[in-house]
Amino acid sequence: MKMKPLDWFALSLIILGAIDLGLIGFFRFDLIGSIFGGMTSWFARIIYALIGLAGIYAFSMYGRIATNDLARGDK
C-alpha cells in the first residue's frame, strides 16, 4: 500500500492522540492540553478535532489495504 502525504499526517495525529490518551489514562496528564493552554483553549480544541478527524479518515485505510491484498491475490 503506497501511503499518501495525507495518510502520513493522519497517522502522525493518531499516534499523538494515542500517546496523549495513554498519558491521561496512566498519569492523569494531558500533554496536548498542557502544551496548548488547557483542554478548553481554542487551539487545543482544534488539535483534538484534527485527531478525531484523522481517526475517522483512518477507516479509509482499511478499504485500501483490502483492495491492495486482493490485487496481490492474498486471501
N, C-alpha and C. Protein backbone atom coordinates (compact mmCIF):
# COMPACT_ATOMS: atom_id res chain seq x y z
N MET A 1 0.85 -1.17 0.00
CA MET A 1 0.00 0.00 0.00
C MET A 1 0.89 1.23 0.00
N LYS A 2 0.76 2.06 -1.01
CA LYS A 2 1.51 3.30 -1.08
C LYS A 2 0.77 4.37 -0.27
N MET A 3 1.49 4.98 0.66
CA MET A 3 0.86 5.97 1.52
C MET A 3 1.01 7.37 0.93
N LYS A 4 -0.08 8.11 0.96
CA LYS A 4 -0.10 9.49 0.51
C LYS A 4 0.34 10.39 1.67
N PRO A 5 0.72 11.64 1.37
CA PRO A 5 1.09 12.57 2.45
C PRO A 5 -0.01 12.74 3.49
N LEU A 6 -1.28 12.72 3.05
CA LEU A 6 -2.38 12.84 4.00
C LEU A 6 -2.42 11.63 4.93
N ASP A 7 -2.07 10.45 4.42
CA ASP A 7 -2.01 9.25 5.26
C ASP A 7 -0.96 9.42 6.35
N TRP A 8 0.20 9.93 5.98
CA TRP A 8 1.26 10.14 6.96
C TRP A 8 0.85 11.16 8.02
N PHE A 9 0.20 12.24 7.59
CA PHE A 9 -0.27 13.26 8.52
C PHE A 9 -1.30 12.68 9.47
N ALA A 10 -2.26 11.94 8.92
CA ALA A 10 -3.29 11.32 9.76
C ALA A 10 -2.69 10.33 10.74
N LEU A 11 -1.75 9.52 10.27
CA LEU A 11 -1.10 8.55 11.15
C LEU A 11 -0.35 9.25 12.28
N SER A 12 0.32 10.35 11.97
CA SER A 12 1.04 11.11 12.99
C SER A 12 0.08 11.66 14.04
N LEU A 13 -1.06 12.19 13.59
CA LEU A 13 -2.05 12.71 14.54
C LEU A 13 -2.64 11.59 15.40
N ILE A 14 -2.88 10.44 14.79
CA ILE A 14 -3.43 9.31 15.54
C ILE A 14 -2.44 8.85 16.61
N ILE A 15 -1.17 8.81 16.27
CA ILE A 15 -0.14 8.43 17.26
C ILE A 15 -0.08 9.46 18.37
N LEU A 16 -0.12 10.76 18.03
CA LEU A 16 -0.12 11.81 19.04
C LEU A 16 -1.32 11.65 19.97
N GLY A 17 -2.49 11.39 19.39
CA GLY A 17 -3.69 11.19 20.20
C GLY A 17 -3.59 9.98 21.10
N ALA A 18 -3.02 8.90 20.59
CA ALA A 18 -2.87 7.68 21.40
C ALA A 18 -1.91 7.92 22.56
N ILE A 19 -0.82 8.62 22.30
CA ILE A 19 0.13 8.92 23.38
C ILE A 19 -0.53 9.82 24.42
N ASP A 20 -1.29 10.82 23.96
CA ASP A 20 -1.97 11.71 24.89
C ASP A 20 -2.98 10.95 25.74
N LEU A 21 -3.76 10.07 25.11
CA LEU A 21 -4.73 9.29 25.89
C LEU A 21 -4.04 8.33 26.85
N GLY A 22 -2.92 7.76 26.45
CA GLY A 22 -2.16 6.90 27.36
C GLY A 22 -1.66 7.66 28.56
N LEU A 23 -1.15 8.87 28.34
CA LEU A 23 -0.68 9.70 29.45
C LEU A 23 -1.83 10.09 30.37
N ILE A 24 -2.99 10.38 29.78
CA ILE A 24 -4.16 10.69 30.60
C ILE A 24 -4.57 9.47 31.43
N GLY A 25 -4.59 8.32 30.80
CA GLY A 25 -5.01 7.10 31.48
C GLY A 25 -4.07 6.66 32.59
N PHE A 26 -2.77 6.74 32.34
CA PHE A 26 -1.80 6.26 33.32
C PHE A 26 -1.43 7.31 34.37
N PHE A 27 -1.33 8.57 33.96
CA PHE A 27 -0.78 9.59 34.86
C PHE A 27 -1.68 10.80 35.07
N ARG A 28 -2.87 10.79 34.47
CA ARG A 28 -3.77 11.94 34.54
C ARG A 28 -3.08 13.22 34.07
N PHE A 29 -2.27 13.08 33.03
CA PHE A 29 -1.53 14.21 32.47
C PHE A 29 -1.95 14.38 31.01
N ASP A 30 -2.50 15.53 30.69
CA ASP A 30 -2.95 15.84 29.33
C ASP A 30 -1.84 16.62 28.62
N LEU A 31 -1.08 15.93 27.79
CA LEU A 31 0.06 16.54 27.10
C LEU A 31 -0.39 17.67 26.19
N ILE A 32 -1.39 17.44 25.37
CA ILE A 32 -1.85 18.46 24.43
C ILE A 32 -2.42 19.65 25.19
N GLY A 33 -3.21 19.38 26.19
CA GLY A 33 -3.77 20.46 27.00
C GLY A 33 -2.71 21.28 27.70
N SER A 34 -1.68 20.61 28.20
CA SER A 34 -0.63 21.34 28.91
C SER A 34 0.23 22.17 27.96
N ILE A 35 0.43 21.69 26.74
CA ILE A 35 1.23 22.44 25.77
C ILE A 35 0.45 23.65 25.24
N PHE A 36 -0.83 23.46 24.99
CA PHE A 36 -1.62 24.49 24.31
C PHE A 36 -2.59 25.22 25.22
N GLY A 37 -2.38 25.20 26.52
CA GLY A 37 -3.15 26.05 27.42
C GLY A 37 -4.43 25.47 27.97
N GLY A 38 -4.48 24.19 28.19
CA GLY A 38 -5.65 23.57 28.79
C GLY A 38 -6.60 23.00 27.77
N MET A 39 -7.47 22.10 28.24
CA MET A 39 -8.38 21.41 27.34
C MET A 39 -9.41 22.34 26.72
N THR A 40 -9.65 23.48 27.34
CA THR A 40 -10.69 24.37 26.83
C THR A 40 -10.14 25.48 25.94
N SER A 41 -8.82 25.55 25.76
CA SER A 41 -8.29 26.59 24.86
C SER A 41 -8.67 26.26 23.43
N TRP A 42 -8.86 27.28 22.63
CA TRP A 42 -9.33 27.06 21.25
C TRP A 42 -8.31 26.29 20.44
N PHE A 43 -7.01 26.52 20.66
CA PHE A 43 -6.01 25.81 19.88
C PHE A 43 -5.96 24.32 20.24
N ALA A 44 -6.06 24.01 21.53
CA ALA A 44 -6.10 22.61 21.95
C ALA A 44 -7.33 21.91 21.39
N ARG A 45 -8.45 22.61 21.36
CA ARG A 45 -9.67 22.01 20.80
C ARG A 45 -9.53 21.74 19.32
N ILE A 46 -8.80 22.59 18.60
CA ILE A 46 -8.54 22.36 17.17
C ILE A 46 -7.69 21.10 17.00
N ILE A 47 -6.66 20.95 17.85
CA ILE A 47 -5.79 19.77 17.78
C ILE A 47 -6.61 18.51 18.07
N TYR A 48 -7.45 18.56 19.10
CA TYR A 48 -8.30 17.41 19.42
C TYR A 48 -9.23 17.08 18.25
N ALA A 49 -9.80 18.10 17.61
CA ALA A 49 -10.70 17.88 16.49
C ALA A 49 -9.95 17.26 15.31
N LEU A 50 -8.73 17.73 15.05
CA LEU A 50 -7.93 17.17 13.96
C LEU A 50 -7.58 15.70 14.24
N ILE A 51 -7.29 15.38 15.49
CA ILE A 51 -7.01 13.99 15.86
C ILE A 51 -8.25 13.13 15.62
N GLY A 52 -9.42 13.64 15.98
CA GLY A 52 -10.66 12.90 15.74
C GLY A 52 -10.93 12.69 14.26
N LEU A 53 -10.70 13.74 13.46
CA LEU A 53 -10.89 13.61 12.01
C LEU A 53 -9.88 12.63 11.41
N ALA A 54 -8.65 12.62 11.94
CA ALA A 54 -7.65 11.68 11.46
C ALA A 54 -8.08 10.25 11.75
N GLY A 55 -8.68 10.04 12.91
CA GLY A 55 -9.19 8.71 13.24
C GLY A 55 -10.29 8.26 12.30
N ILE A 56 -11.18 9.18 11.96
CA ILE A 56 -12.24 8.85 11.01
C ILE A 56 -11.65 8.58 9.63
N TYR A 57 -10.69 9.39 9.21
CA TYR A 57 -10.04 9.20 7.92
C TYR A 57 -9.33 7.85 7.86
N ALA A 58 -8.81 7.38 8.99
CA ALA A 58 -8.08 6.12 9.02
C ALA A 58 -8.95 4.93 8.60
N PHE A 59 -10.26 5.06 8.74
CA PHE A 59 -11.15 3.99 8.28
C PHE A 59 -10.98 3.73 6.79
N SER A 60 -10.65 4.75 6.02
CA SER A 60 -10.47 4.55 4.57
C SER A 60 -9.26 3.68 4.27
N MET A 61 -8.33 3.61 5.21
CA MET A 61 -7.14 2.78 5.00
C MET A 61 -7.51 1.30 4.97
N TYR A 62 -8.53 0.90 5.69
CA TYR A 62 -8.98 -0.49 5.64
C TYR A 62 -9.37 -0.89 4.22
N GLY A 63 -10.12 -0.05 3.55
CA GLY A 63 -10.54 -0.34 2.19
C GLY A 63 -9.36 -0.42 1.24
N ARG A 64 -8.39 0.47 1.41
CA ARG A 64 -7.23 0.44 0.53
C ARG A 64 -6.35 -0.77 0.81
N ILE A 65 -6.25 -1.17 2.06
CA ILE A 65 -5.47 -2.37 2.38
C ILE A 65 -6.14 -3.60 1.78
N ALA A 66 -7.46 -3.70 1.93
CA ALA A 66 -8.19 -4.85 1.39
C ALA A 66 -8.08 -4.89 -0.13
N THR A 67 -8.20 -3.73 -0.78
CA THR A 67 -8.08 -3.67 -2.24
C THR A 67 -6.68 -4.10 -2.68
N ASN A 68 -5.67 -3.63 -1.95
CA ASN A 68 -4.29 -3.98 -2.27
C ASN A 68 -4.06 -5.48 -2.09
N ASP A 69 -4.61 -6.06 -1.03
CA ASP A 69 -4.45 -7.50 -0.79
C ASP A 69 -5.13 -8.32 -1.91
N LEU A 70 -6.30 -7.87 -2.35
CA LEU A 70 -6.99 -8.58 -3.42
C LEU A 70 -6.21 -8.49 -4.74
N ALA A 71 -5.61 -7.34 -4.98
CA ALA A 71 -4.84 -7.17 -6.22
C ALA A 71 -3.60 -8.08 -6.23
N ARG A 72 -3.04 -8.34 -5.04
CA ARG A 72 -1.88 -9.22 -4.97
C ARG A 72 -2.28 -10.69 -4.94
N GLY A 73 -3.54 -10.97 -4.71
CA GLY A 73 -4.01 -12.35 -4.66
C GLY A 73 -3.99 -12.95 -3.27
N ASP A 74 -3.79 -12.13 -2.24
CA ASP A 74 -3.82 -12.64 -0.85
C ASP A 74 -5.26 -12.97 -0.48
N LYS A 75 -5.40 -13.95 0.40
CA LYS A 75 -6.73 -14.31 0.88
C LYS A 75 -6.78 -14.26 2.36
